[in-house]
Structures are given as C-alpha cells and as structure tokens.
PDB file of all heavy atoms in Angstrom:
ATOM      1  N   ASP A   1     104.030 121.676 110.295  1.00  0.00           N
ATOM      2  CA  ASP A   1     104.844 121.407 109.089  1.00  0.00           C
ATOM      3  C   ASP A   1     104.090 120.784 107.934  1.00  0.00           C
ATOM      4  O   ASP A   1     104.593 120.109 107.214  1.00  0.00           O
ATOM      5  CB  ASP A   1     106.091 120.680 109.432  1.00  0.00           C
ATOM      6  CG  ASP A   1     107.263 120.850 108.402  1.00  0.00           C
ATOM      7  OD1 ASP A   1     107.383 121.992 107.957  1.00  0.00           O
ATOM      8  OD2 ASP A   1     107.982 119.737 108.108  1.00  0.00           O
ATOM      9  N   GLU A   2     102.715 121.023 107.922  1.00  0.00           N
ATOM     10  CA  GLU A   2     101.929 120.483 106.855  1.00  0.00           C
ATOM     11  C   GLU A   2     101.962 121.360 105.585  1.00  0.00           C
ATOM     12  O   GLU A   2     101.891 122.601 105.669  1.00  0.00           O
ATOM     13  CB  GLU A   2     100.529 120.392 107.353  1.00  0.00           C
ATOM     14  CG  GLU A   2      99.502 119.730 106.412  1.00  0.00           C
ATOM     15  CD  GLU A   2      98.134 119.731 107.068  1.00  0.00           C
ATOM     16  OE1 GLU A   2      97.983 119.541 108.222  1.00  0.00           O
ATOM     17  OE2 GLU A   2      97.148 120.005 106.303  1.00  0.00           O
ATOM     18  N   ILE A   3     102.039 120.691 104.444  1.00  0.00           N
ATOM     19  CA  ILE A   3     102.066 121.471 103.142  1.00  0.00           C
ATOM     20  C   ILE A   3     100.608 121.843 102.930  1.00  0.00           C
ATOM     21  O   ILE A   3      99.714 121.085 102.993  1.00  0.00           O
ATOM     22  CB  ILE A   3     102.513 120.562 101.963  1.00  0.00           C
ATOM     23  CG1 ILE A   3     104.021 119.995 102.223  1.00  0.00           C
ATOM     24  CG2 ILE A   3     102.446 121.223 100.702  1.00  0.00           C
ATOM     25  CD1 ILE A   3     104.311 118.836 101.346  1.00  0.00           C
ATOM     26  N   VAL A   4     100.457 123.212 102.648  1.00  0.00           N
ATOM     27  CA  VAL A   4      99.186 123.791 102.549  1.00  0.00           C
ATOM     28  C   VAL A   4      99.029 124.753 101.361  1.00  0.00           C
ATOM     29  O   VAL A   4      99.988 125.255 100.829  1.00  0.00           O
ATOM     30  CB  VAL A   4      98.716 124.616 103.827  1.00  0.00           C
ATOM     31  CG1 VAL A   4      98.525 123.639 104.958  1.00  0.00           C
ATOM     32  CG2 VAL A   4      99.803 125.607 104.052  1.00  0.00           C
ATOM     33  N   GLY A   5      97.876 125.007 100.995  1.00  0.00           N
ATOM     34  CA  GLY A   5      97.579 126.028  99.887  1.00  0.00           C
ATOM     35  C   GLY A   5      97.773 125.565  98.496  1.00  0.00           C
ATOM     36  O   GLY A   5      98.194 124.357  98.213  1.00  0.00           O
ATOM     37  N   THR A   6      97.612 126.438  97.492  1.00  0.00           N
ATOM     38  CA  THR A   6      97.791 126.132  96.113  1.00  0.00           C
ATOM     39  C   THR A   6      98.518 127.305  95.439  1.00  0.00           C
ATOM     40  O   THR A   6      98.292 128.478  95.702  1.00  0.00           O
ATOM     41  CB  THR A   6      96.380 126.045  95.448  1.00  0.00           C
ATOM     42  OG1 THR A   6      95.633 125.049  96.208  1.00  0.00           O
ATOM     43  CG2 THR A   6      96.483 125.584  94.010  1.00  0.00           C
ATOM     44  N   PHE A   7      99.369 126.918  94.493  1.00  0.00           N
ATOM     45  CA  PHE A   7     100.158 127.989  93.785  1.00  0.00           C
ATOM     46  C   PHE A   7      99.200 128.306  92.530  1.00  0.00           C
ATOM     47  O   PHE A   7      98.857 127.326  91.808  1.00  0.00           O
ATOM     48  CB  PHE A   7     101.453 127.562  93.366  1.00  0.00           C
ATOM     49  CG  PHE A   7     102.415 127.685  94.528  1.00  0.00           C
ATOM     50  CD1 PHE A   7     102.577 126.514  95.371  1.00  0.00           C
ATOM     51  CD2 PHE A   7     103.143 128.732  94.893  1.00  0.00           C
ATOM     52  CE1 PHE A   7     103.506 126.508  96.436  1.00  0.00           C
ATOM     53  CE2 PHE A   7     103.961 128.783  95.981  1.00  0.00           C
ATOM     54  CZ  PHE A   7     104.171 127.708  96.778  1.00  0.00           C
ATOM     55  N   VAL A   8      98.850 129.567  92.344  1.00  0.00           N
ATOM     56  CA  VAL A   8      97.914 129.912  91.296  1.00  0.00           C
ATOM     57  C   VAL A   8      98.702 130.689  90.162  1.00  0.00           C
ATOM     58  O   VAL A   8      98.031 130.876  89.072  1.00  0.00           O
ATOM     59  CB  VAL A   8      96.789 130.700  91.811  1.00  0.00           C
ATOM     60  CG1 VAL A   8      95.808 129.757  92.782  1.00  0.00           C
ATOM     61  CG2 VAL A   8      97.209 132.029  92.572  1.00  0.00           C
ATOM     62  N   PHE A   9      99.983 131.053  90.366  1.00  0.00           N
ATOM     63  CA  PHE A   9     100.659 131.769  89.399  1.00  0.00           C
ATOM     64  C   PHE A   9     102.116 131.129  89.548  1.00  0.00           C
ATOM     65  O   PHE A   9     102.703 131.171  90.673  1.00  0.00           O
ATOM     66  CB  PHE A   9     100.715 133.197  89.426  1.00  0.00           C
ATOM     67  CG  PHE A   9     101.748 133.780  88.379  1.00  0.00           C
ATOM     68  CD1 PHE A   9     101.324 133.952  87.091  1.00  0.00           C
ATOM     69  CD2 PHE A   9     103.069 134.142  88.837  1.00  0.00           C
ATOM     70  CE1 PHE A   9     102.215 134.433  86.213  1.00  0.00           C
ATOM     71  CE2 PHE A   9     103.928 134.611  87.940  1.00  0.00           C
ATOM     72  CZ  PHE A   9     103.633 134.793  86.575  1.00  0.00           C
ATOM     73  N   ILE A  10     102.631 130.621  88.446  1.00  0.00           N
ATOM     74  CA  ILE A  10     104.105 130.130  88.459  1.00  0.00           C
ATOM     75  C   ILE A  10     104.768 130.669  87.158  1.00  0.00           C
ATOM     76  O   ILE A  10     104.134 130.862  86.151  1.00  0.00           O
ATOM     77  CB  ILE A  10     104.168 128.567  88.471  1.00  0.00           C
ATOM     78  CG1 ILE A  10     103.446 127.999  87.220  1.00  0.00           C
ATOM     79  CG2 ILE A  10     103.560 128.053  89.760  1.00  0.00           C
ATOM     80  CD1 ILE A  10     103.610 126.512  87.172  1.00  0.00           C
ATOM     81  N   PRO A  11     106.052 130.979  87.301  1.00  0.00           N
ATOM     82  CA  PRO A  11     106.802 131.500  86.144  1.00  0.00           C
ATOM     83  C   PRO A  11     107.182 130.457  85.125  1.00  0.00           C
ATOM     84  O   PRO A  11     107.074 129.267  85.314  1.00  0.00           O
ATOM     85  CB  PRO A  11     108.023 132.038  86.835  1.00  0.00           C
ATOM     86  CG  PRO A  11     108.375 131.131  87.924  1.00  0.00           C
ATOM     87  CD  PRO A  11     106.956 130.747  88.495  1.00  0.00           C
ATOM     88  N   PRO A  12     107.628 130.901  83.943  1.00  0.00           N
ATOM     89  CA  PRO A  12     108.014 129.884  82.876  1.00  0.00           C
ATOM     90  C   PRO A  12     109.190 129.122  83.449  1.00  0.00           C
ATOM     91  O   PRO A  12     109.940 129.616  84.286  1.00  0.00           O
ATOM     92  CB  PRO A  12     108.519 130.872  81.736  1.00  0.00           C
ATOM     93  CG  PRO A  12     107.794 132.131  81.986  1.00  0.00           C
ATOM     94  CD  PRO A  12     107.651 132.273  83.414  1.00  0.00           C
ATOM     95  N   GLY A  13     109.396 127.843  82.992  1.00  0.00           N
ATOM     96  CA  GLY A  13     110.459 127.034  83.485  1.00  0.00           C
ATOM     97  C   GLY A  13     110.116 126.419  84.708  1.00  0.00           C
ATOM     98  O   GLY A  13     110.927 125.699  85.355  1.00  0.00           O
ATOM     99  N   SER A  14     108.768 126.499  85.200  1.00  0.00           N
ATOM    100  CA  SER A  14     108.382 125.757  86.394  1.00  0.00           C
ATOM    101  C   SER A  14     107.059 125.018  86.065  1.00  0.00           C
ATOM    102  O   SER A  14     106.442 125.265  85.110  1.00  0.00           O
ATOM    103  CB  SER A  14     108.269 126.725  87.486  1.00  0.00           C
ATOM    104  OG  SER A  14     107.244 127.665  87.240  1.00  0.00           O
ATOM    105  N   LYS A  15     106.676 124.046  86.973  1.00  0.00           N
ATOM    106  CA  LYS A  15     105.412 123.385  86.943  1.00  0.00           C
ATOM    107  C   LYS A  15     104.930 123.034  88.282  1.00  0.00           C
ATOM    108  O   LYS A  15     105.614 122.906  89.204  1.00  0.00           O
ATOM    109  CB  LYS A  15     105.546 122.061  86.034  1.00  0.00           C
ATOM    110  CG  LYS A  15     106.412 121.063  86.657  1.00  0.00           C
ATOM    111  CD  LYS A  15     106.664 119.810  85.751  1.00  0.00           C
ATOM    112  CE  LYS A  15     107.518 118.775  86.453  1.00  0.00           C
ATOM    113  NZ  LYS A  15     107.646 117.581  85.700  1.00  0.00           N
ATOM    114  N   LEU A  16     103.621 122.773  88.333  1.00  0.00           N
ATOM    115  CA  LEU A  16     102.938 122.366  89.579  1.00  0.00           C
ATOM    116  C   LEU A  16     103.161 120.875  89.778  1.00  0.00           C
ATOM    117  O   LEU A  16     103.181 120.106  88.883  1.00  0.00           O
ATOM    118  CB  LEU A  16     101.355 122.716  89.488  1.00  0.00           C
ATOM    119  CG  LEU A  16     101.049 124.188  89.405  1.00  0.00           C
ATOM    120  CD1 LEU A  16      99.559 124.346  89.159  1.00  0.00           C
ATOM    121  CD2 LEU A  16     101.433 124.951  90.684  1.00  0.00           C
ATOM    122  N   LEU A  17     103.301 120.604  91.088  1.00  0.00           N
ATOM    123  CA  LEU A  17     103.427 119.260  91.497  1.00  0.00           C
ATOM    124  C   LEU A  17     102.414 119.029  92.629  1.00  0.00           C
ATOM    125  O   LEU A  17     102.213 119.906  93.416  1.00  0.00           O
ATOM    126  CB  LEU A  17     104.903 119.030  92.105  1.00  0.00           C
ATOM    127  CG  LEU A  17     105.421 117.682  92.382  1.00  0.00           C
ATOM    128  CD1 LEU A  17     105.450 116.751  91.094  1.00  0.00           C
ATOM    129  CD2 LEU A  17     106.812 117.686  93.078  1.00  0.00           C
ATOM    130  N   ASN A  18     101.718 117.822  92.540  1.00  0.00           N
ATOM    131  CA  ASN A  18     100.648 117.490  93.540  1.00  0.00           C
ATOM    132  C   ASN A  18     101.245 116.658  94.550  1.00  0.00           C
ATOM    133  O   ASN A  18     101.189 115.426  94.480  1.00  0.00           O
ATOM    134  CB  ASN A  18      99.487 116.915  92.787  1.00  0.00           C
ATOM    135  CG  ASN A  18      99.021 117.809  91.677  1.00  0.00           C
ATOM    136  OD1 ASN A  18      99.033 119.052  91.715  1.00  0.00           O
ATOM    137  ND2 ASN A  18      98.346 117.200  90.610  1.00  0.00           N
ATOM    138  N   CYS A  19     101.811 117.112  95.666  1.00  0.00           N
ATOM    139  CA  CYS A  19     102.351 116.310  96.749  1.00  0.00           C
ATOM    140  C   CYS A  19     101.141 115.695  97.520  1.00  0.00           C
ATOM    141  O   CYS A  19     101.180 114.509  97.731  1.00  0.00           O
ATOM    142  CB  CYS A  19     103.318 117.119  97.612  1.00  0.00           C
ATOM    143  SG  CYS A  19     104.854 117.470  96.802  1.00  0.00           S
ATOM    144  N   PHE A  20     100.425 116.570  98.052  1.00  0.00           N
ATOM    145  CA  PHE A  20      99.200 116.058  98.815  1.00  0.00           C
ATOM    146  C   PHE A  20      97.920 116.531  98.219  1.00  0.00           C
ATOM    147  O   PHE A  20      96.808 115.954  98.390  1.00  0.00           O
ATOM    148  CB  PHE A  20      99.301 116.457 100.283  1.00  0.00           C
ATOM    149  CG  PHE A  20     100.523 115.789 100.918  1.00  0.00           C
ATOM    150  CD1 PHE A  20     101.701 116.465 101.155  1.00  0.00           C
ATOM    151  CD2 PHE A  20     100.487 114.418 101.221  1.00  0.00           C
ATOM    152  CE1 PHE A  20     102.868 115.786 101.675  1.00  0.00           C
ATOM    153  CE2 PHE A  20     101.547 113.763 101.784  1.00  0.00           C
ATOM    154  CZ  PHE A  20     102.718 114.518 102.017  1.00  0.00           C
ATOM    155  N   GLU A  21      97.904 117.700  97.647  1.00  0.00           N
ATOM    156  CA  GLU A  21      96.748 118.290  96.971  1.00  0.00           C
ATOM    157  C   GLU A  21      97.096 118.956  95.745  1.00  0.00           C
ATOM    158  O   GLU A  21      98.213 119.292  95.476  1.00  0.00           O
ATOM    159  CB  GLU A  21      95.986 119.272  97.950  1.00  0.00           C
ATOM    160  CG  GLU A  21      95.428 118.691  99.194  1.00  0.00           C
ATOM    161  CD  GLU A  21      94.689 119.820 100.088  1.00  0.00           C
ATOM    162  OE1 GLU A  21      94.281 120.884  99.503  1.00  0.00           O
ATOM    163  OE2 GLU A  21      94.490 119.593 101.231  1.00  0.00           O
ATOM    164  N   ASP A  22      96.197 119.179  94.771  1.00  0.00           N
ATOM    165  CA  ASP A  22      96.485 119.711  93.576  1.00  0.00           C
ATOM    166  C   ASP A  22      97.231 121.037  93.639  1.00  0.00           C
ATOM    167  O   ASP A  22      96.772 122.040  94.278  1.00  0.00           O
ATOM    168  CB  ASP A  22      95.249 119.954  92.753  1.00  0.00           C
ATOM    169  CG  ASP A  22      94.633 118.627  92.242  1.00  0.00           C
ATOM    170  OD1 ASP A  22      95.295 117.572  92.304  1.00  0.00           O
ATOM    171  OD2 ASP A  22      93.555 118.660  91.663  1.00  0.00           O
ATOM    172  N   GLY A  23      98.372 121.215  92.989  1.00  0.00           N
ATOM    173  CA  GLY A  23      99.132 122.365  92.930  1.00  0.00           C
ATOM    174  C   GLY A  23      99.759 122.986  94.287  1.00  0.00           C
ATOM    175  O   GLY A  23     100.013 124.087  94.380  1.00  0.00           O
ATOM    176  N   ASP A  24      99.957 122.217  95.262  1.00  0.00           N
ATOM    177  CA  ASP A  24     100.470 122.475  96.539  1.00  0.00           C
ATOM    178  C   ASP A  24     101.993 122.750  96.476  1.00  0.00           C
ATOM    179  O   ASP A  24     102.569 123.207  97.491  1.00  0.00           O
ATOM    180  CB  ASP A  24     100.120 121.588  97.714  1.00  0.00           C
ATOM    181  CG  ASP A  24     100.642 120.234  97.526  1.00  0.00           C
ATOM    182  OD1 ASP A  24     101.362 119.923  96.616  1.00  0.00           O
ATOM    183  OD2 ASP A  24     100.177 119.412  98.372  1.00  0.00           O
ATOM    184  N   THR A  25     102.731 122.328  95.476  1.00  0.00           N
ATOM    185  CA  THR A  25     104.056 122.416  95.327  1.00  0.00           C
ATOM    186  C   THR A  25     104.530 122.889  93.950  1.00  0.00           C
ATOM    187  O   THR A  25     103.730 122.572  92.963  1.00  0.00           O
ATOM    188  CB  THR A  25     104.753 121.024  95.669  1.00  0.00           C
ATOM    189  OG1 THR A  25     104.328 120.702  96.960  1.00  0.00           O
ATOM    190  CG2 THR A  25     106.183 121.085  95.558  1.00  0.00           C
ATOM    191  N   VAL A  26     105.551 123.623  93.780  1.00  0.00           N
ATOM    192  CA  VAL A  26     106.133 123.996  92.496  1.00  0.00           C
ATOM    193  C   VAL A  26     107.602 123.531  92.349  1.00  0.00           C
ATOM    194  O   VAL A  26     108.279 123.590  93.281  1.00  0.00           O
ATOM    195  CB  VAL A  26     106.067 125.540  92.274  1.00  0.00           C
ATOM    196  CG1 VAL A  26     106.528 125.923  90.930  1.00  0.00           C
ATOM    197  CG2 VAL A  26     104.722 126.145  92.628  1.00  0.00           C
ATOM    198  N   THR A  27     107.899 123.037  91.113  1.00  0.00           N
ATOM    199  CA  THR A  27     109.258 122.592  90.869  1.00  0.00           C
ATOM    200  C   THR A  27     109.669 123.038  89.407  1.00  0.00           C
ATOM    201  O   THR A  27     108.773 123.633  88.808  1.00  0.00           O
ATOM    202  CB  THR A  27     109.393 121.054  90.950  1.00  0.00           C
ATOM    203  OG1 THR A  27     110.762 120.640  90.801  1.00  0.00           O
ATOM    204  CG2 THR A  27     108.599 120.451  89.800  1.00  0.00           C
ATOM    205  N   HIS A  28     110.884 122.905  89.170  1.00  0.00           N
ATOM    206  CA  HIS A  28     111.382 123.239  87.797  1.00  0.00           C
ATOM    207  C   HIS A  28     110.861 122.350  86.776  1.00  0.00           C
ATOM    208  O   HIS A  28     110.579 121.240  87.057  1.00  0.00           O
ATOM    209  CB  HIS A  28     112.903 123.400  87.869  1.00  0.00           C
ATOM    210  CG  HIS A  28     113.571 122.074  88.127  1.00  0.00           C
ATOM    211  ND1 HIS A  28     113.663 121.659  89.498  1.00  0.00           N
ATOM    212  CD2 HIS A  28     114.250 121.204  87.373  1.00  0.00           C
ATOM    213  CE1 HIS A  28     114.247 120.406  89.424  1.00  0.00           C
ATOM    214  NE2 HIS A  28     114.605 120.175  88.205  1.00  0.00           N
ATOM    215  N   SER A  29     110.708 122.900  85.490  1.00  0.00           N
ATOM    216  CA  SER A  29     110.280 122.024  84.432  1.00  0.00           C
ATOM    217  C   SER A  29     111.428 121.853  83.358  1.00  0.00           C
ATOM    218  O   SER A  29     111.278 121.092  82.389  1.00  0.00           O
ATOM    219  CB  SER A  29     108.978 122.594  83.777  1.00  0.00           C
ATOM    220  OG  SER A  29     109.196 123.904  83.279  1.00  0.00           O
ATOM    221  N   ASP A  30     112.491 122.481  83.566  1.00  0.00           N
ATOM    222  CA  ASP A  30     113.601 122.332  82.619  1.00  0.00           C
ATOM    223  C   ASP A  30     114.931 122.735  83.377  1.00  0.00           C
ATOM    224  O   ASP A  30     114.924 123.190  84.445  1.00  0.00           O
ATOM    225  CB  ASP A  30     113.450 123.222  81.400  1.00  0.00           C
ATOM    226  CG  ASP A  30     113.353 124.658  81.728  1.00  0.00           C
ATOM    227  OD1 ASP A  30     114.042 125.176  82.605  1.00  0.00           O
ATOM    228  OD2 ASP A  30     112.618 125.408  80.996  1.00  0.00           O
ATOM    229  N   LYS A  31     116.120 122.524  82.617  1.00  0.00           N
ATOM    230  CA  LYS A  31     117.346 122.781  83.247  1.00  0.00           C
ATOM    231  C   LYS A  31     117.786 124.220  83.067  1.00  0.00           C
ATOM    232  O   LYS A  31     118.966 124.511  83.251  1.00  0.00           O
ATOM    233  CB  LYS A  31     118.345 121.844  82.645  1.00  0.00           C
ATOM    234  CG  LYS A  31     118.232 120.428  83.087  1.00  0.00           C
ATOM    235  CD  LYS A  31     119.381 119.498  82.778  1.00  0.00           C
ATOM    236  CE  LYS A  31     119.560 119.525  81.307  1.00  0.00           C
ATOM    237  NZ  LYS A  31     120.613 118.566  80.852  1.00  0.00           N
ATOM    238  N   SER A  32     117.058 125.068  82.591  1.00  0.00           N
ATOM    239  CA  SER A  32     117.415 126.456  82.209  1.00  0.00           C
ATOM    240  C   SER A  32     117.953 127.073  83.529  1.00  0.00           C
ATOM    241  O   SER A  32     117.373 126.782  84.643  1.00  0.00           O
ATOM    242  CB  SER A  32     116.328 127.336  81.576  1.00  0.00           C
ATOM    243  OG  SER A  32     115.319 127.503  82.592  1.00  0.00           O
ATOM    244  N   LEU A  33     118.884 127.964  83.403  1.00  0.00           N
ATOM    245  CA  LEU A  33     119.440 128.707  84.557  1.00  0.00           C
ATOM    246  C   LEU A  33     118.446 129.615  85.115  1.00  0.00           C
ATOM    247  O   LEU A  33     117.877 130.421  84.285  1.00  0.00           O
ATOM    248  CB  LEU A  33     120.786 129.314  84.262  1.00  0.00           C
ATOM    249  CG  LEU A  33     121.814 128.303  83.887  1.00  0.00           C
ATOM    250  CD1 LEU A  33     123.230 128.991  83.615  1.00  0.00           C
ATOM    251  CD2 LEU A  33     122.135 127.257  84.997  1.00  0.00           C
ATOM    252  N   LYS A  34     118.265 129.692  86.361  1.00  0.00           N
ATOM    253  CA  LYS A  34     117.248 130.624  86.924  1.00  0.00           C
ATOM    254  C   LYS A  34     118.004 131.480  88.024  1.00  0.00           C
ATOM    255  O   LYS A  34     118.984 131.164  88.575  1.00  0.00           O
ATOM    256  CB  LYS A  34     116.236 129.790  87.747  1.00  0.00           C
ATOM    257  CG  LYS A  34     115.334 128.881  86.684  1.00  0.00           C
ATOM    258  CD  LYS A  34     114.848 127.656  87.392  1.00  0.00           C
ATOM    259  CE  LYS A  34     114.271 126.685  86.486  1.00  0.00           C
ATOM    260  NZ  LYS A  34     115.095 126.032  85.538  1.00  0.00           N
ATOM    261  N   ARG A  35     117.405 132.622  88.302  1.00  0.00           N
ATOM    262  CA  ARG A  35     117.886 133.510  89.329  1.00  0.00           C
ATOM    263  C   ARG A  35     116.794 134.182  90.127  1.00  0.00           C
ATOM    264  O   ARG A  35     116.877 134.223  91.250  1.00  0.00           O
ATOM    265  CB  ARG A  35     118.776 134.641  88.688  1.00  0.00           C
ATOM    266  CG  ARG A  35     120.045 134.838  89.422  1.00  0.00           C
ATOM    267  CD  ARG A  35     120.927 135.863  88.577  1.00  0.00           C
ATOM    268  NE  ARG A  35     122.145 135.113  88.381  1.00  0.00           N
ATOM    269  CZ  ARG A  35     123.319 135.678  88.560  1.00  0.00           C
ATOM    270  NH1 ARG A  35     123.416 136.743  89.205  1.00  0.00           N
ATOM    271  NH2 ARG A  35     124.406 135.016  88.355  1.00  0.00           N
ATOM    272  N   ASN A  36     115.855 134.774  89.515  1.00  0.00           N
ATOM    273  CA  ASN A  36     114.780 135.549  90.147  1.00  0.00           C
ATOM    274  C   ASN A  36     113.465 134.943  89.714  1.00  0.00           C
ATOM    275  O   ASN A  36     113.195 134.950  88.483  1.00  0.00           O
ATOM    276  CB  ASN A  36     114.890 137.042  89.905  1.00  0.00           C
ATOM    277  CG  ASN A  36     116.141 137.607  90.459  1.00  0.00           C
ATOM    278  OD1 ASN A  36     116.605 137.354  91.590  1.00  0.00           O
ATOM    279  ND2 ASN A  36     116.896 138.278  89.607  1.00  0.00           N
ATOM    280  N   LEU A  37     112.642 134.493  90.592  1.00  0.00           N
ATOM    281  CA  LEU A  37     111.343 133.866  90.223  1.00  0.00           C
ATOM    282  C   LEU A  37     110.207 134.538  91.047  1.00  0.00           C
ATOM    283  O   LEU A  37     110.417 134.822  92.294  1.00  0.00           O
ATOM    284  CB  LEU A  37     111.382 132.369  90.375  1.00  0.00           C
ATOM    285  CG  LEU A  37     112.456 131.653  89.717  1.00  0.00           C
ATOM    286  CD1 LEU A  37     112.596 130.164  90.202  1.00  0.00           C
ATOM    287  CD2 LEU A  37     112.239 131.663  88.301  1.00  0.00           C
TER     288      LEU A  37
END
C-alpha cells in the first residue's frame, strides 16, 4: 500500500501534491464541477 510513481499529465482544475515524493498524488485546484478526467 505504498504511494508510488509520478503523475506527468494532469487536467485543468487539478494540481500535483507531494505526499512522499514529488508529484506522487493529484488533487483538485478549484471548486469547479468535474465529471471525466
């Protein structure tokens, strides 16, 4: 259950989060409504 890898492409309305390593997690960057990402 270790967080691994890096996200190298993310959609608008999102941003990278560095939980344990750079870019290993993605989260939203605004409150816009989302459906398909």
